[in-house]
Every structure is written in C-alpha cells, then in structure tokens.
Amino acid sequence: MREKRRKLRLVLPRIQIRLMLAFGGITVLALLLQHLLFLRVLSDLIAGVQDDGGTLVQDMHTISWRLLAGAFGLLLPIVILVGIAVTHRWCGPLYRMQQFLRATDQGQRPQDCQLRNGDELKEFCDLINRTTRVLRSQQEIAPSVDPTATRSAA
C-alpha cells in the first residue's frame, strides 16, 4: 500500500482538542510557577539592596511581566504544534480503525486496516484485522439477503 500523507487537520477533533487543552494547561501552570519563583528570587535580591530599592521594585514588575509574556508567546505555539504532531500518531490510527469497522459493520468488505509508518496502535490494528477477517470472508461468500425479506417469507 502506498503510504498516504496526512493533511494538517484534526482527524478526531474532540479528542485532539481535549489533549491540546491538557498540554496547554500544563504549560500555563509551569510558566506561572516559573514566574512566581522568579519574582520570589528577585524580591529577595532587591531586599538585600540598600540604596534605591524602590525603583528596582517598580522595574521588577514590568520586567517580570514582559518575560512572562515572552515565554507564553514562544512556548505555547511550540507546545500546540508538537501536541498536534503527537496526537496525530494516536488519533490518526483511531480514525482509520473507526472507518474500517464502520465499513465492516455496513456489510462492506474493506481491505485490511493498514497504518502509516510511525503511527501508534499497529498491534491493535492487526488484532482488528484478524478478528474481522472471518466476518469479511463470510460477507464475500454469502449472497446479499435482505433480512426483512426472510422474515416476511416465514
């Protein structure tokens, strides 16, 4: 099978957005903790300064907020892009297996479920193939019978 190139889109948006929010939340908490620790250390340093400490305290707040904004501006986009790449390795295979099982459930005879190189859950995909192989081969052999027709004939 020729390997399909994934388009840059969310294949399972509900799951991927929830994971991205979790990644983003962890990042925000880490940055806020870093900011608080930075303010604590800087306050201790300023307390040790004898002359003109008041000016340093005023400047400290401006500088610390600029640093926090810069950290958010750099780190959050990186976390989002890495998060999308990581969730694609899980959500892409789940989406593919979902399509495969829906096609099988609708009576179609899809080819074996195959995943791209680098995707996770390959063992699970193989298990789905082995489990549905008998069902898919029976669908090939069995003639197309309308279940309602057999009930009305009886």
C-alpha atoms as a PDB file:
ATOM      1  CA  MET A   1       0.000   0.000   0.000  1.00  0.00           C
ATOM      2  CA  ARG A   2       1.294   3.419  -0.885  1.00  0.00           C
ATOM      3  CA  GLU A   3       1.687   5.435   2.262  1.00  0.00           C
ATOM      4  CA  LYS A   4      -0.808   8.284   2.413  1.00  0.00           C
ATOM      5  CA  ARG A   5       0.431  11.668   3.508  1.00  0.00           C
ATOM      6  CA  ARG A   6      -1.577  13.114   6.350  1.00  0.00           C
ATOM      7  CA  LYS A   7      -3.120  16.500   5.755  1.00  0.00           C
ATOM      8  CA  LEU A   8      -2.615  19.036   8.509  1.00  0.00           C
ATOM      9  CA  ARG A   9      -6.046  18.743  10.066  1.00  0.00           C
ATOM     10  CA  LEU A  10      -7.579  17.310  13.181  1.00  0.00           C
ATOM     11  CA  VAL A  11      -8.933  13.857  12.368  1.00  0.00           C
ATOM     12  CA  LEU A  12     -10.663  13.381  15.724  1.00  0.00           C
ATOM     13  CA  PRO A  13     -11.165  16.998  16.813  1.00  0.00           C
ATOM     14  CA  ARG A  14     -12.928  16.273  20.115  1.00  0.00           C
ATOM     15  CA  ILE A  15     -10.129  14.058  21.404  1.00  0.00           C
ATOM     16  CA  GLN A  16      -7.294  16.106  19.929  1.00  0.00           C
ATOM     17  CA  ILE A  17      -8.634  19.410  21.248  1.00  0.00           C
ATOM     18  CA  ARG A  18      -9.036  17.926  24.727  1.00  0.00           C
ATOM     19  CA  LEU A  19      -5.450  16.652  24.636  1.00  0.00           C
ATOM     20  CA  MET A  20      -4.211  20.014  23.371  1.00  0.00           C
ATOM     21  CA  LEU A  21      -6.050  21.800  26.181  1.00  0.00           C
ATOM     22  CA  ALA A  22      -4.378  19.456  28.658  1.00  0.00           C
ATOM     23  CA  PHE A  23      -0.945  20.175  27.136  1.00  0.00           C
ATOM     24  CA  GLY A  24      -1.671  23.896  27.142  1.00  0.00           C
ATOM     25  CA  GLY A  25      -2.928  23.812  30.736  1.00  0.00           C
ATOM     26  CA  ILE A  26       0.210  22.079  31.926  1.00  0.00           C
ATOM     27  CA  THR A  27       2.310  24.638  30.051  1.00  0.00           C
ATOM     28  CA  VAL A  28       0.405  27.565  31.569  1.00  0.00           C
ATOM     29  CA  LEU A  29       0.790  26.140  35.080  1.00  0.00           C
ATOM     30  CA  ALA A  30       4.515  25.572  34.550  1.00  0.00           C
ATOM     31  CA  LEU A  31       5.008  29.123  33.253  1.00  0.00           C
ATOM     32  CA  LEU A  32       3.060  30.648  36.133  1.00  0.00           C
ATOM     33  CA  LEU A  33       5.075  28.644  38.650  1.00  0.00           C
ATOM     34  CA  GLN A  34       8.276  29.777  36.949  1.00  0.00           C
ATOM     35  CA  HIS A  35       7.048  33.365  37.105  1.00  0.00           C
ATOM     36  CA  LEU A  36       6.260  33.134  40.826  1.00  0.00           C
ATOM     37  CA  LEU A  37       9.632  31.594  41.601  1.00  0.00           C
ATOM     38  CA  PHE A  38      11.374  34.259  39.532  1.00  0.00           C
ATOM     39  CA  LEU A  39       9.528  37.030  41.430  1.00  0.00           C
ATOM     40  CA  ARG A  40      10.432  35.438  44.755  1.00  0.00           C
ATOM     41  CA  VAL A  41      14.139  35.269  43.950  1.00  0.00           C
ATOM     42  CA  LEU A  42      14.163  38.777  42.503  1.00  0.00           C
ATOM     43  CA  SER A  43      12.335  40.168  45.555  1.00  0.00           C
ATOM     44  CA  ASP A  44      14.891  38.584  47.858  1.00  0.00           C
ATOM     45  CA  LEU A  45      17.711  40.152  45.826  1.00  0.00           C
ATOM     46  CA  ILE A  46      16.087  43.585  45.902  1.00  0.00           C
ATOM     47  CA  ALA A  47      15.513  43.350  49.654  1.00  0.00           C
ATOM     48  CA  GLY A  48      19.275  42.998  50.046  1.00  0.00           C
ATOM     49  CA  VAL A  49      19.972  46.209  48.087  1.00  0.00           C
ATOM     50  CA  GLN A  50      20.410  49.225  50.387  1.00  0.00           C
ATOM     51  CA  ASP A  51      20.106  52.176  48.051  1.00  0.00           C
ATOM     52  CA  ASP A  52      17.223  52.896  45.639  1.00  0.00           C
ATOM     53  CA  GLY A  53      15.427  49.577  46.148  1.00  0.00           C
ATOM     54  CA  GLY A  54      12.059  51.237  45.450  1.00  0.00           C
ATOM     55  CA  THR A  55      12.956  51.928  41.830  1.00  0.00           C
ATOM     56  CA  LEU A  56      14.105  48.364  41.362  1.00  0.00           C
ATOM     57  CA  VAL A  57      10.803  47.019  42.720  1.00  0.00           C
ATOM     58  CA  GLN A  58       8.810  49.078  40.207  1.00  0.00           C
ATOM     59  CA  ASP A  59      11.041  47.973  37.332  1.00  0.00           C
ATOM     60  CA  MET A  60      10.905  44.372  38.538  1.00  0.00           C
ATOM     61  CA  HIS A  61       7.170  44.108  37.931  1.00  0.00           C
ATOM     62  CA  THR A  62       7.409  45.498  34.395  1.00  0.00           C
ATOM     63  CA  ILE A  63      10.341  43.264  33.501  1.00  0.00           C
ATOM     64  CA  SER A  64       8.763  40.152  35.015  1.00  0.00           C
ATOM     65  CA  TRP A  65       5.504  40.639  33.075  1.00  0.00           C
ATOM     66  CA  ARG A  66       7.438  41.147  29.847  1.00  0.00           C
ATOM     67  CA  LEU A  67       9.378  37.949  30.499  1.00  0.00           C
ATOM     68  CA  LEU A  68       6.171  36.038  31.222  1.00  0.00           C
ATOM     69  CA  ALA A  69       4.504  37.350  28.046  1.00  0.00           C
ATOM     70  CA  GLY A  70       7.582  36.420  26.000  1.00  0.00           C
ATOM     71  CA  ALA A  71       7.653  32.917  27.496  1.00  0.00           C
ATOM     72  CA  PHE A  72       3.952  32.428  26.698  1.00  0.00           C
ATOM     73  CA  GLY A  73       4.454  33.779  23.181  1.00  0.00           C
ATOM     74  CA  LEU A  74       7.276  31.352  22.478  1.00  0.00           C
ATOM     75  CA  LEU A  75       6.311  28.258  24.433  1.00  0.00           C
ATOM     76  CA  LEU A  76       2.563  27.925  23.813  1.00  0.00           C
ATOM     77  CA  PRO A  77       2.783  27.811  19.985  1.00  0.00           C
ATOM     78  CA  ILE A  78       5.578  25.235  20.232  1.00  0.00           C
ATOM     79  CA  VAL A  79       3.526  23.092  22.624  1.00  0.00           C
ATOM     80  CA  ILE A  80       0.488  23.329  20.327  1.00  0.00           C
ATOM     81  CA  LEU A  81       2.448  22.298  17.214  1.00  0.00           C
ATOM     82  CA  VAL A  82       4.192  19.431  18.998  1.00  0.00           C
ATOM     83  CA  GLY A  83       0.858  18.398  20.518  1.00  0.00           C
ATOM     84  CA  ILE A  84      -0.810  18.225  17.110  1.00  0.00           C
ATOM     85  CA  ALA A  85       2.038  16.085  15.767  1.00  0.00           C
ATOM     86  CA  VAL A  86       1.890  13.737  18.763  1.00  0.00           C
ATOM     87  CA  THR A  87      -1.900  13.407  18.780  1.00  0.00           C
ATOM     88  CA  HIS A  88      -1.881  12.591  15.054  1.00  0.00           C
ATOM     89  CA  ARG A  89       0.136   9.449  15.795  1.00  0.00           C
ATOM     90  CA  TRP A  90      -2.673   8.249  18.054  1.00  0.00           C
ATOM     91  CA  CYS A  91      -5.826   9.836  16.672  1.00  0.00           C
ATOM     92  CA  GLY A  92      -4.998   9.120  13.023  1.00  0.00           C
ATOM     93  CA  PRO A  93      -4.921   5.339  13.619  1.00  0.00           C
ATOM     94  CA  LEU A  94      -8.061   5.515  15.764  1.00  0.00           C
ATOM     95  CA  TYR A  95      -9.830   7.381  12.959  1.00  0.00           C
ATOM     96  CA  ARG A  96      -8.653   4.833  10.367  1.00  0.00           C
ATOM     97  CA  MET A  97      -9.790   1.884  12.528  1.00  0.00           C
ATOM     98  CA  GLN A  98     -13.135   3.587  13.126  1.00  0.00           C
ATOM     99  CA  GLN A  99     -13.680   3.945   9.358  1.00  0.00           C
ATOM    100  CA  PHE A 100     -12.643   0.310   8.827  1.00  0.00           C
ATOM    101  CA  LEU A 101     -15.060  -1.001  11.484  1.00  0.00           C
ATOM    102  CA  ARG A 102     -17.922   1.148  10.190  1.00  0.00           C
ATOM    103  CA  ALA A 103     -17.394  -0.175   6.671  1.00  0.00           C
ATOM    104  CA  THR A 104     -17.347  -3.758   8.006  1.00  0.00           C
ATOM    105  CA  ASP A 105     -20.479  -3.097  10.079  1.00  0.00           C
ATOM    106  CA  GLN A 106     -22.290  -1.782   6.987  1.00  0.00           C
ATOM    107  CA  GLY A 107     -21.601  -5.039   5.151  1.00  0.00           C
ATOM    108  CA  GLN A 108     -18.774  -3.745   3.009  1.00  0.00           C
ATOM    109  CA  ARG A 109     -15.605  -5.788   2.539  1.00  0.00           C
ATOM    110  CA  PRO A 110     -12.795  -3.341   3.209  1.00  0.00           C
ATOM    111  CA  GLN A 111      -9.189  -4.340   2.702  1.00  0.00           C
ATOM    112  CA  ASP A 112      -7.136  -4.996   5.829  1.00  0.00           C
ATOM    113  CA  CYS A 113      -6.708  -1.956   8.027  1.00  0.00           C
ATOM    114  CA  GLN A 114      -3.229  -0.552   7.436  1.00  0.00           C
ATOM    115  CA  LEU A 115      -1.478   2.277   9.223  1.00  0.00           C
ATOM    116  CA  ARG A 116       1.343   4.576   8.190  1.00  0.00           C
ATOM    117  CA  ASN A 117       4.919   4.182   9.374  1.00  0.00           C
ATOM    118  CA  GLY A 118       5.387   5.931  12.694  1.00  0.00           C
ATOM    119  CA  ASP A 119       1.750   5.552  13.749  1.00  0.00           C
ATOM    120  CA  GLU A 120       0.925   4.032  17.114  1.00  0.00           C
ATOM    121  CA  LEU A 121      -1.554   1.189  17.750  1.00  0.00           C
ATOM    122  CA  LYS A 122      -0.286  -1.095  14.933  1.00  0.00           C
ATOM    123  CA  GLU A 123      -0.770  -4.203  17.105  1.00  0.00           C
ATOM    124  CA  PHE A 124      -4.354  -3.164  17.772  1.00  0.00           C
ATOM    125  CA  CYS A 125      -4.957  -2.682  14.049  1.00  0.00           C
ATOM    126  CA  ASP A 126      -3.562  -6.179  13.390  1.00  0.00           C
ATOM    127  CA  LEU A 127      -5.907  -7.590  16.048  1.00  0.00           C
ATOM    128  CA  ILE A 128      -8.875  -5.890  14.374  1.00  0.00           C
ATOM    129  CA  ASN A 129      -7.821  -7.383  11.017  1.00  0.00           C
ATOM    130  CA  ARG A 130      -7.559 -10.903  12.477  1.00  0.00           C
ATOM    131  CA  THR A 131     -10.852 -10.568  14.338  1.00  0.00           C
ATOM    132  CA  THR A 132     -12.841  -9.298  11.368  1.00  0.00           C
ATOM    133  CA  ARG A 133     -11.193 -11.483   8.705  1.00  0.00           C
ATOM    134  CA  VAL A 134     -13.723 -14.317   9.147  1.00  0.00           C
ATOM    135  CA  LEU A 135     -16.655 -11.917   9.067  1.00  0.00           C
ATOM    136  CA  ARG A 136     -15.345 -10.192   5.960  1.00  0.00           C
ATOM    137  CA  SER A 137     -14.749 -13.521   4.185  1.00  0.00           C
ATOM    138  CA  GLN A 138     -18.299 -14.670   5.073  1.00  0.00           C
ATOM    139  CA  GLN A 139     -19.664 -11.477   3.561  1.00  0.00           C
ATOM    140  CA  GLU A 140     -17.820 -12.368   0.341  1.00  0.00           C
ATOM    141  CA  ILE A 141     -19.352 -15.848   0.186  1.00  0.00           C
ATOM    142  CA  ALA A 142     -22.859 -15.123   1.460  1.00  0.00           C
ATOM    143  CA  PRO A 143     -25.301 -13.754  -1.120  1.00  0.00           C
ATOM    144  CA  SER A 144     -26.829 -10.426  -0.397  1.00  0.00           C
ATOM    145  CA  VAL A 145     -30.003 -11.238   1.554  1.00  0.00           C
ATOM    146  CA  ASP A 146     -32.453  -8.685   2.836  1.00  0.00           C
ATOM    147  CA  PRO A 147     -33.200  -9.613   6.486  1.00  0.00           C
ATOM    148  CA  THR A 148     -36.750  -8.261   6.217  1.00  0.00           C
ATOM    149  CA  ALA A 149     -37.483 -10.492   3.212  1.00  0.00           C
ATOM    150  CA  THR A 150     -36.674 -13.689   5.144  1.00  0.00           C
ATOM    151  CA  ARG A 151     -38.959 -12.650   7.998  1.00  0.00           C
ATOM    152  CA  SER A 152     -41.929 -11.945   5.723  1.00  0.00           C
ATOM    153  CA  ALA A 153     -41.491 -15.265   3.884  1.00  0.00           C
ATOM    154  CA  ALA A 154     -41.754 -17.205   7.131  1.00  0.00           C
END
